[in-house]
Amino acid sequence: MTHLQKIQHLENYLNQSNESYSDTFKEDILLYFNQDFTEENSQFEFLKELGSPEAIEQKIEFLLSQFVLKFDAEQESENDFIYYYLGQ
């Protein structure tokens, strides 16, 4: 997959309908990327280590599970939380 294809897959995956509680956090992730799903957005560097659509989906599913298990809105912001799991 090219980097652009990975970005497009990520955007499509995040825009899928909400089927569970954890999926409600997809909107927060979309906002984190400022709806800027272009190759120029440096926030997508984490995609370079992911080689397939399944790997991208697994990374997002892991992030969503961490939102459910560990996110504390009183202690941190959604953006800081997402950066911790994707931005490193």
PDB file of N, CA and C in Angstrom:
ATOM      1  N   MET A   1       0.849  -1.192   0.000  1.00  0.00           N
ATOM      2  CA  MET A   1       0.000   0.000   0.000  1.00  0.00           C
ATOM      3  C   MET A   1       0.883   1.240   0.000  1.00  0.00           C
ATOM      4  N   THR A   2       0.444   2.231  -0.736  1.00  0.00           N
ATOM      5  CA  THR A   2       1.142   3.509  -0.691  1.00  0.00           C
ATOM      6  C   THR A   2       0.720   4.250   0.575  1.00  0.00           C
ATOM      7  N   HIS A   3       1.487   5.281   0.898  1.00  0.00           N
ATOM      8  CA  HIS A   3       1.152   6.069   2.093  1.00  0.00           C
ATOM      9  C   HIS A   3      -0.233   6.696   1.933  1.00  0.00           C
ATOM     10  N   LEU A   4      -0.543   7.199   0.752  1.00  0.00           N
ATOM     11  CA  LEU A   4      -1.855   7.806   0.506  1.00  0.00           C
ATOM     12  C   LEU A   4      -2.970   6.769   0.637  1.00  0.00           C
ATOM     13  N   GLN A   5      -2.750   5.573   0.154  1.00  0.00           N
ATOM     14  CA  GLN A   5      -3.768   4.518   0.290  1.00  0.00           C
ATOM     15  C   GLN A   5      -4.012   4.187   1.760  1.00  0.00           C
ATOM     16  N   LYS A   6      -2.956   4.189   2.548  1.00  0.00           N
ATOM     17  CA  LYS A   6      -3.100   3.941   3.985  1.00  0.00           C
ATOM     18  C   LYS A   6      -3.929   5.044   4.636  1.00  0.00           C
ATOM     19  N   ILE A   7      -3.643   6.277   4.279  1.00  0.00           N
ATOM     20  CA  ILE A   7      -4.392   7.411   4.834  1.00  0.00           C
ATOM     21  C   ILE A   7      -5.858   7.308   4.445  1.00  0.00           C
ATOM     22  N   GLN A   8      -6.116   6.991   3.194  1.00  0.00           N
ATOM     23  CA  GLN A   8      -7.498   6.872   2.726  1.00  0.00           C
ATOM     24  C   GLN A   8      -8.223   5.733   3.431  1.00  0.00           C
ATOM     25  N   HIS A   9      -7.528   4.615   3.634  1.00  0.00           N
ATOM     26  CA  HIS A   9      -8.149   3.491   4.343  1.00  0.00           C
ATOM     27  C   HIS A   9      -8.476   3.889   5.783  1.00  0.00           C
ATOM     28  N   LEU A  10      -7.540   4.572   6.423  1.00  0.00           N
ATOM     29  CA  LEU A  10      -7.776   5.038   7.792  1.00  0.00           C
ATOM     30  C   LEU A  10      -9.005   5.945   7.836  1.00  0.00           C
ATOM     31  N   GLU A  11      -9.091   6.887   6.936  1.00  0.00           N
ATOM     32  CA  GLU A  11     -10.236   7.797   6.915  1.00  0.00           C
ATOM     33  C   GLU A  11     -11.541   7.024   6.712  1.00  0.00           C
ATOM     34  N   ASN A  12     -11.549   6.107   5.764  1.00  0.00           N
ATOM     35  CA  ASN A  12     -12.762   5.310   5.523  1.00  0.00           C
ATOM     36  C   ASN A  12     -13.137   4.490   6.749  1.00  0.00           C
ATOM     37  N   TYR A  13     -12.148   3.920   7.387  1.00  0.00           N
ATOM     38  CA  TYR A  13     -12.408   3.100   8.578  1.00  0.00           C
ATOM     39  C   TYR A  13     -12.986   3.947   9.716  1.00  0.00           C
ATOM     40  N   LEU A  14     -12.441   5.121   9.900  1.00  0.00           N
ATOM     41  CA  LEU A  14     -12.935   5.992  10.969  1.00  0.00           C
ATOM     42  C   LEU A  14     -14.331   6.529  10.677  1.00  0.00           C
ATOM     43  N   ASN A  15     -14.711   6.579   9.420  1.00  0.00           N
ATOM     44  CA  ASN A  15     -16.026   7.091   9.047  1.00  0.00           C
ATOM     45  C   ASN A  15     -17.103   6.009   8.994  1.00  0.00           C
ATOM     46  N   GLN A  16     -16.741   4.767   9.291  1.00  0.00           N
ATOM     47  CA  GLN A  16     -17.745   3.702   9.312  1.00  0.00           C
ATOM     48  C   GLN A  16     -18.719   3.952  10.452  1.00  0.00           C
ATOM     49  N   SER A  17     -19.938   3.464  10.267  1.00  0.00           N
ATOM     50  CA  SER A  17     -20.985   3.694  11.259  1.00  0.00           C
ATOM     51  C   SER A  17     -20.601   3.140  12.627  1.00  0.00           C
ATOM     52  N   ASN A  18     -21.086   3.812  13.648  1.00  0.00           N
ATOM     53  CA  ASN A  18     -20.806   3.408  15.032  1.00  0.00           C
ATOM     54  C   ASN A  18     -21.670   2.215  15.412  1.00  0.00           C
ATOM     55  N   GLU A  19     -21.006   1.125  15.745  1.00  0.00           N
ATOM     56  CA  GLU A  19     -21.727  -0.083  16.120  1.00  0.00           C
ATOM     57  C   GLU A  19     -21.559  -0.433  17.594  1.00  0.00           C
ATOM     58  N   SER A  20     -20.601   0.203  18.249  1.00  0.00           N
ATOM     59  CA  SER A  20     -20.360  -0.103  19.649  1.00  0.00           C
ATOM     60  C   SER A  20     -19.954   1.167  20.385  1.00  0.00           C
ATOM     61  N   TYR A  21     -19.884   1.049  21.694  1.00  0.00           N
ATOM     62  CA  TYR A  21     -19.488   2.198  22.503  1.00  0.00           C
ATOM     63  C   TYR A  21     -18.103   2.691  22.116  1.00  0.00           C
ATOM     64  N   SER A  22     -17.165   1.786  21.915  1.00  0.00           N
ATOM     65  CA  SER A  22     -15.800   2.206  21.582  1.00  0.00           C
ATOM     66  C   SER A  22     -15.741   2.954  20.250  1.00  0.00           C
ATOM     67  N   ASP A  23     -16.639   2.617  19.330  1.00  0.00           N
ATOM     68  CA  ASP A  23     -16.656   3.307  18.039  1.00  0.00           C
ATOM     69  C   ASP A  23     -17.013   4.787  18.169  1.00  0.00           C
ATOM     70  N   THR A  24     -17.637   5.166  19.272  1.00  0.00           N
ATOM     71  CA  THR A  24     -17.982   6.575  19.444  1.00  0.00           C
ATOM     72  C   THR A  24     -16.737   7.449  19.540  1.00  0.00           C
ATOM     73  N   PHE A  25     -15.612   6.854  19.886  1.00  0.00           N
ATOM     74  CA  PHE A  25     -14.367   7.609  19.982  1.00  0.00           C
ATOM     75  C   PHE A  25     -13.721   7.858  18.614  1.00  0.00           C
ATOM     76  N   LYS A  26     -14.249   7.233  17.577  1.00  0.00           N
ATOM     77  CA  LYS A  26     -13.717   7.471  16.234  1.00  0.00           C
ATOM     78  C   LYS A  26     -13.831   8.945  15.857  1.00  0.00           C
ATOM     79  N   GLU A  27     -14.892   9.591  16.295  1.00  0.00           N
ATOM     80  CA  GLU A  27     -15.065  11.015  16.013  1.00  0.00           C
ATOM     81  C   GLU A  27     -13.933  11.834  16.634  1.00  0.00           C
ATOM     82  N   ASP A  28     -13.523  11.474  17.834  1.00  0.00           N
ATOM     83  CA  ASP A  28     -12.398  12.160  18.485  1.00  0.00           C
ATOM     84  C   ASP A  28     -11.116  11.995  17.670  1.00  0.00           C
ATOM     85  N   ILE A  29     -10.937  10.816  17.110  1.00  0.00           N
ATOM     86  CA  ILE A  29      -9.740  10.566  16.299  1.00  0.00           C
ATOM     87  C   ILE A  29      -9.800  11.388  15.014  1.00  0.00           C
ATOM     88  N   LEU A  30     -10.980  11.455  14.403  1.00  0.00           N
ATOM     89  CA  LEU A  30     -11.137  12.293  13.208  1.00  0.00           C
ATOM     90  C   LEU A  30     -10.805  13.751  13.517  1.00  0.00           C
ATOM     91  N   LEU A  31     -11.267  14.229  14.651  1.00  0.00           N
ATOM     92  CA  LEU A  31     -10.977  15.606  15.046  1.00  0.00           C
ATOM     93  C   LEU A  31      -9.492  15.801  15.328  1.00  0.00           C
ATOM     94  N   TYR A  32      -8.848  14.794  15.869  1.00  0.00           N
ATOM     95  CA  TYR A  32      -7.411  14.863  16.140  1.00  0.00           C
ATOM     96  C   TYR A  32      -6.632  15.148  14.852  1.00  0.00           C
ATOM     97  N   PHE A  33      -7.074  14.540  13.758  1.00  0.00           N
ATOM     98  CA  PHE A  33      -6.405  14.755  12.473  1.00  0.00           C
ATOM     99  C   PHE A  33      -6.916  15.998  11.747  1.00  0.00           C
ATOM    100  N   ASN A  34      -7.773  16.760  12.395  1.00  0.00           N
ATOM    101  CA  ASN A  34      -8.323  18.004  11.837  1.00  0.00           C
ATOM    102  C   ASN A  34      -8.974  17.796  10.472  1.00  0.00           C
ATOM    103  N   GLN A  35      -9.506  16.604  10.258  1.00  0.00           N
ATOM    104  CA  GLN A  35     -10.141  16.268   8.983  1.00  0.00           C
ATOM    105  C   GLN A  35      -9.193  16.479   7.802  1.00  0.00           C
ATOM    106  N   ASP A  36      -7.887  16.502   8.063  1.00  0.00           N
ATOM    107  CA  ASP A  36      -6.870  16.720   7.029  1.00  0.00           C
ATOM    108  C   ASP A  36      -6.225  15.389   6.665  1.00  0.00           C
ATOM    109  N   PHE A  37      -6.892  14.641   5.803  1.00  0.00           N
ATOM    110  CA  PHE A  37      -6.405  13.329   5.418  1.00  0.00           C
ATOM    111  C   PHE A  37      -5.618  13.425   4.117  1.00  0.00           C
ATOM    112  N   THR A  38      -4.476  14.119   4.211  1.00  0.00           N
ATOM    113  CA  THR A  38      -3.579  14.287   3.069  1.00  0.00           C
ATOM    114  C   THR A  38      -2.192  13.794   3.447  1.00  0.00           C
ATOM    115  N   GLU A  39      -1.375  13.547   2.449  1.00  0.00           N
ATOM    116  CA  GLU A  39      -0.013  13.082   2.700  1.00  0.00           C
ATOM    117  C   GLU A  39       0.836  14.144   3.389  1.00  0.00           C
ATOM    118  N   GLU A  40       0.440  15.397   3.287  1.00  0.00           N
ATOM    119  CA  GLU A  40       1.194  16.479   3.903  1.00  0.00           C
ATOM    120  C   GLU A  40       1.031  16.537   5.416  1.00  0.00           C
ATOM    121  N   ASN A  41       0.031  15.882   5.943  1.00  0.00           N
ATOM    122  CA  ASN A  41      -0.218  15.875   7.380  1.00  0.00           C
ATOM    123  C   ASN A  41       0.777  14.940   8.061  1.00  0.00           C
ATOM    124  N   SER A  42       1.684  15.498   8.817  1.00  0.00           N
ATOM    125  CA  SER A  42       2.741  14.705   9.460  1.00  0.00           C
ATOM    126  C   SER A  42       2.218  13.791  10.567  1.00  0.00           C
ATOM    127  N   GLN A  43       0.980  13.951  10.967  1.00  0.00           N
ATOM    128  CA  GLN A  43       0.408  13.093  12.012  1.00  0.00           C
ATOM    129  C   GLN A  43       0.234  11.644  11.549  1.00  0.00           C
ATOM    130  N   PHE A  44       0.388  11.412  10.260  1.00  0.00           N
ATOM    131  CA  PHE A  44       0.202  10.060   9.731  1.00  0.00           C
ATOM    132  C   PHE A  44       1.505   9.272   9.629  1.00  0.00           C
ATOM    133  N   GLU A  45       2.545   9.745  10.274  1.00  0.00           N
ATOM    134  CA  GLU A  45       3.829   9.034  10.257  1.00  0.00           C
ATOM    135  C   GLU A  45       3.698   7.617  10.804  1.00  0.00           C
ATOM    136  N   PHE A  46       2.805   7.406  11.767  1.00  0.00           N
ATOM    137  CA  PHE A  46       2.644   6.083  12.364  1.00  0.00           C
ATOM    138  C   PHE A  46       2.196   5.051  11.340  1.00  0.00           C
ATOM    139  N   LEU A  47       1.592   5.489  10.240  1.00  0.00           N
ATOM    140  CA  LEU A  47       1.118   4.554   9.226  1.00  0.00           C
ATOM    141  C   LEU A  47       2.262   3.902   8.461  1.00  0.00           C
ATOM    142  N   LYS A  48       3.428   4.523   8.459  1.00  0.00           N
ATOM    143  CA  LYS A  48       4.557   3.980   7.702  1.00  0.00           C
ATOM    144  C   LYS A  48       4.963   2.596   8.216  1.00  0.00           C
ATOM    145  N   GLU A  49       4.764   2.339   9.495  1.00  0.00           N
ATOM    146  CA  GLU A  49       5.130   1.040  10.060  1.00  0.00           C
ATOM    147  C   GLU A  49       4.048  -0.015   9.867  1.00  0.00           C
ATOM    148  N   LEU A  50       2.898   0.384   9.344  1.00  0.00           N
ATOM    149  CA  LEU A  50       1.777  -0.538   9.156  1.00  0.00           C
ATOM    150  C   LEU A  50       1.657  -0.879   7.675  1.00  0.00           C
ATOM    151  N   GLY A  51       1.655  -2.169   7.348  1.00  0.00           N
ATOM    152  CA  GLY A  51       1.739  -2.564   5.955  1.00  0.00           C
ATOM    153  C   GLY A  51       0.466  -3.044   5.304  1.00  0.00           C
ATOM    154  N   SER A  52      -0.620  -3.108   6.053  1.00  0.00           N
ATOM    155  CA  SER A  52      -1.848  -3.650   5.464  1.00  0.00           C
ATOM    156  C   SER A  52      -3.068  -2.954   6.059  1.00  0.00           C
ATOM    157  N   PRO A  53      -4.205  -3.068   5.366  1.00  0.00           N
ATOM    158  CA  PRO A  53      -5.446  -2.514   5.936  1.00  0.00           C
ATOM    159  C   PRO A  53      -5.774  -3.123   7.295  1.00  0.00           C
ATOM    160  N   GLU A  54      -5.507  -4.400   7.435  1.00  0.00           N
ATOM    161  CA  GLU A  54      -5.797  -5.080   8.703  1.00  0.00           C
ATOM    162  C   GLU A  54      -4.944  -4.509   9.837  1.00  0.00           C
ATOM    163  N   ALA A  55      -3.670  -4.217   9.545  1.00  0.00           N
ATOM    164  CA  ALA A  55      -2.779  -3.656  10.572  1.00  0.00           C
ATOM    165  C   ALA A  55      -3.254  -2.271  11.000  1.00  0.00           C
ATOM    166  N   ILE A  56      -3.753  -1.488  10.052  1.00  0.00           N
ATOM    167  CA  ILE A  56      -4.292  -0.164  10.369  1.00  0.00           C
ATOM    168  C   ILE A  56      -5.516  -0.301  11.267  1.00  0.00           C
ATOM    169  N   GLU A  57      -6.399  -1.203  10.905  1.00  0.00           N
ATOM    170  CA  GLU A  57      -7.609  -1.422  11.689  1.00  0.00           C
ATOM    171  C   GLU A  57      -7.271  -1.935  13.085  1.00  0.00           C
ATOM    172  N   GLN A  58      -6.292  -2.815  13.197  1.00  0.00           N
ATOM    173  CA  GLN A  58      -5.888  -3.323  14.506  1.00  0.00           C
ATOM    174  C   GLN A  58      -5.329  -2.201  15.381  1.00  0.00           C
ATOM    175  N   LYS A  59      -4.557  -1.313  14.785  1.00  0.00           N
ATOM    176  CA  LYS A  59      -3.988  -0.186  15.538  1.00  0.00           C
ATOM    177  C   LYS A  59      -5.114   0.699  16.084  1.00  0.00           C
ATOM    178  N   ILE A  60      -6.112   0.982  15.254  1.00  0.00           N
ATOM    179  CA  ILE A  60      -7.235   1.823  15.682  1.00  0.00           C
ATOM    180  C   ILE A  60      -8.084   1.089  16.711  1.00  0.00           C
ATOM    181  N   GLU A  61      -8.307  -0.190  16.512  1.00  0.00           N
ATOM    182  CA  GLU A  61      -9.083  -0.966  17.487  1.00  0.00           C
ATOM    183  C   GLU A  61      -8.378  -0.982  18.843  1.00  0.00           C
ATOM    184  N   PHE A  62      -7.046  -1.082  18.825  1.00  0.00           N
ATOM    185  CA  PHE A  62      -6.300  -1.027  20.081  1.00  0.00           C
ATOM    186  C   PHE A  62      -6.495   0.332  20.746  1.00  0.00           C
ATOM    187  N   LEU A  63      -6.385   1.401  19.980  1.00  0.00           N
ATOM    188  CA  LEU A  63      -6.590   2.745  20.525  1.00  0.00           C
ATOM    189  C   LEU A  63      -7.994   2.882  21.103  1.00  0.00           C
ATOM    190  N   LEU A  64      -8.989   2.399  20.383  1.00  0.00           N
ATOM    191  CA  LEU A  64     -10.364   2.476  20.871  1.00  0.00           C
ATOM    192  C   LEU A  64     -10.535   1.689  22.173  1.00  0.00           C
ATOM    193  N   SER A  65      -9.910   0.542  22.253  1.00  0.00           N
ATOM    194  CA  SER A  65     -10.013  -0.247  23.488  1.00  0.00           C
ATOM    195  C   SER A  65      -9.348   0.482  24.656  1.00  0.00           C
ATOM    196  N   GLN A  66      -8.260   1.190  24.379  1.00  0.00           N
ATOM    197  CA  GLN A  66      -7.594   1.951  25.431  1.00  0.00           C
ATOM    198  C   GLN A  66      -8.457   3.116  25.904  1.00  0.00           C
ATOM    199  N   PHE A  67      -9.203   3.716  24.972  1.00  0.00           N
ATOM    200  CA  PHE A  67     -10.152   4.764  25.367  1.00  0.00           C
ATOM    201  C   PHE A  67     -11.139   4.209  26.383  1.00  0.00           C
ATOM    202  N   VAL A  68     -11.674   3.042  26.094  1.00  0.00           N
ATOM    203  CA  VAL A  68     -12.677   2.442  26.974  1.00  0.00           C
ATOM    204  C   VAL A  68     -12.065   2.074  28.327  1.00  0.00           C
ATOM    205  N   LEU A  69     -10.864   1.525  28.306  1.00  0.00           N
ATOM    206  CA  LEU A  69     -10.256   1.012  29.531  1.00  0.00           C
ATOM    207  C   LEU A  69      -9.536   2.058  30.376  1.00  0.00           C
ATOM    208  N   LYS A  70      -8.889   3.031  29.734  1.00  0.00           N
ATOM    209  CA  LYS A  70      -7.969   3.885  30.479  1.00  0.00           C
ATOM    210  C   LYS A  70      -8.232   5.386  30.419  1.00  0.00           C
ATOM    211  N   PHE A  71      -9.013   5.855  29.463  1.00  0.00           N
ATOM    212  CA  PHE A  71      -9.161   7.301  29.295  1.00  0.00           C
ATOM    213  C   PHE A  71      -9.876   7.920  30.487  1.00  0.00           C
ATOM    214  N   ASP A  72      -9.295   8.989  31.008  1.00  0.00           N
ATOM    215  CA  ASP A  72      -9.869   9.730  32.130  1.00  0.00           C
ATOM    216  C   ASP A  72      -9.967  11.200  31.715  1.00  0.00           C
ATOM    217  N   ALA A  73     -11.162  11.625  31.368  1.00  0.00           N
ATOM    218  CA  ALA A  73     -11.373  12.982  30.856  1.00  0.00           C
ATOM    219  C   ALA A  73     -10.987  14.057  31.863  1.00  0.00           C
ATOM    220  N   GLU A  74     -10.960  13.721  33.139  1.00  0.00           N
ATOM    221  CA  GLU A  74     -10.572  14.702  34.158  1.00  0.00           C
ATOM    222  C   GLU A  74      -9.068  14.881  34.233  1.00  0.00           C
ATOM    223  N   GLN A  75      -8.311  13.926  33.746  1.00  0.00           N
ATOM    224  CA  GLN A  75      -6.858  13.960  33.863  1.00  0.00           C
ATOM    225  C   GLN A  75      -6.135  14.295  32.553  1.00  0.00           C
ATOM    226  N   GLU A  76      -6.789  14.075  31.405  1.00  0.00           N
ATOM    227  CA  GLU A  76      -6.126  14.279  30.124  1.00  0.00           C
ATOM    228  C   GLU A  76      -7.137  14.631  29.044  1.00  0.00           C
ATOM    229  N   SER A  77      -6.643  15.181  27.959  1.00  0.00           N
ATOM    230  CA  SER A  77      -7.518  15.500  26.833  1.00  0.00           C
ATOM    231  C   SER A  77      -7.525  14.338  25.838  1.00  0.00           C
ATOM    232  N   GLU A  78      -8.527  14.308  24.997  1.00  0.00           N
ATOM    233  CA  GLU A  78      -8.601  13.273  23.973  1.00  0.00           C
ATOM    234  C   GLU A  78      -7.385  13.346  23.057  1.00  0.00           C
ATOM    235  N   ASN A  79      -6.984  14.557  22.681  1.00  0.00           N
ATOM    236  CA  ASN A  79      -5.847  14.717  21.777  1.00  0.00           C
ATOM    237  C   ASN A  79      -4.556  14.190  22.397  1.00  0.00           C
ATOM    238  N   ASP A  80      -4.328  14.480  23.678  1.00  0.00           N
ATOM    239  CA  ASP A  80      -3.134  13.967  24.345  1.00  0.00           C
ATOM    240  C   ASP A  80      -3.152  12.437  24.384  1.00  0.00           C
ATOM    241  N   PHE A  81      -4.307  11.890  24.643  1.00  0.00           N
ATOM    242  CA  PHE A  81      -4.457  10.436  24.712  1.00  0.00           C
ATOM    243  C   PHE A  81      -4.158   9.798  23.359  1.00  0.00           C
ATOM    244  N   ILE A  82      -4.729  10.360  22.305  1.00  0.00           N
ATOM    245  CA  ILE A  82      -4.505   9.837  20.950  1.00  0.00           C
ATOM    246  C   ILE A  82      -3.036   9.978  20.566  1.00  0.00           C
ATOM    247  N   TYR A  83      -2.449  11.117  20.872  1.00  0.00           N
ATOM    248  CA  TYR A  83      -1.036  11.326  20.551  1.00  0.00           C
ATOM    249  C   TYR A  83      -0.166  10.282  21.239  1.00  0.00           C
ATOM    250  N   TYR A  84      -0.489   9.965  22.462  1.00  0.00           N
ATOM    251  CA  TYR A  84       0.287   8.972  23.202  1.00  0.00           C
ATOM    252  C   TYR A  84       0.313   7.632  22.470  1.00  0.00           C
ATOM    253  N   TYR A  85      -0.828   7.223  21.925  1.00  0.00           N
ATOM    254  CA  TYR A  85      -0.914   5.913  21.287  1.00  0.00           C
ATOM    255  C   TYR A  85      -0.553   5.923  19.801  1.00  0.00           C
ATOM    256  N   LEU A  86      -0.735   7.049  19.116  1.00  0.00           N
ATOM    257  CA  LEU A  86      -0.438   7.097  17.681  1.00  0.00           C
ATOM    258  C   LEU A  86       0.779   7.941  17.341  1.00  0.00           C
ATOM    259  N   GLY A  87       1.030   8.960  18.130  1.00  0.00           N
ATOM    260  CA  GLY A  87       2.061   9.913  17.770  1.00  0.00           C
ATOM    261  C   GLY A  87       3.468   9.515  18.128  1.00  0.00           C
ATOM    262  N   GLN A  88       3.619   8.477  18.895  1.00  0.00           N
ATOM    263  CA  GLN A  88       4.964   8.082  19.315  1.00  0.00           C
ATOM    264  C   GLN A  88       5.601   7.158  18.309  1.00  0.00           C
TER     265      GLN A  88
END
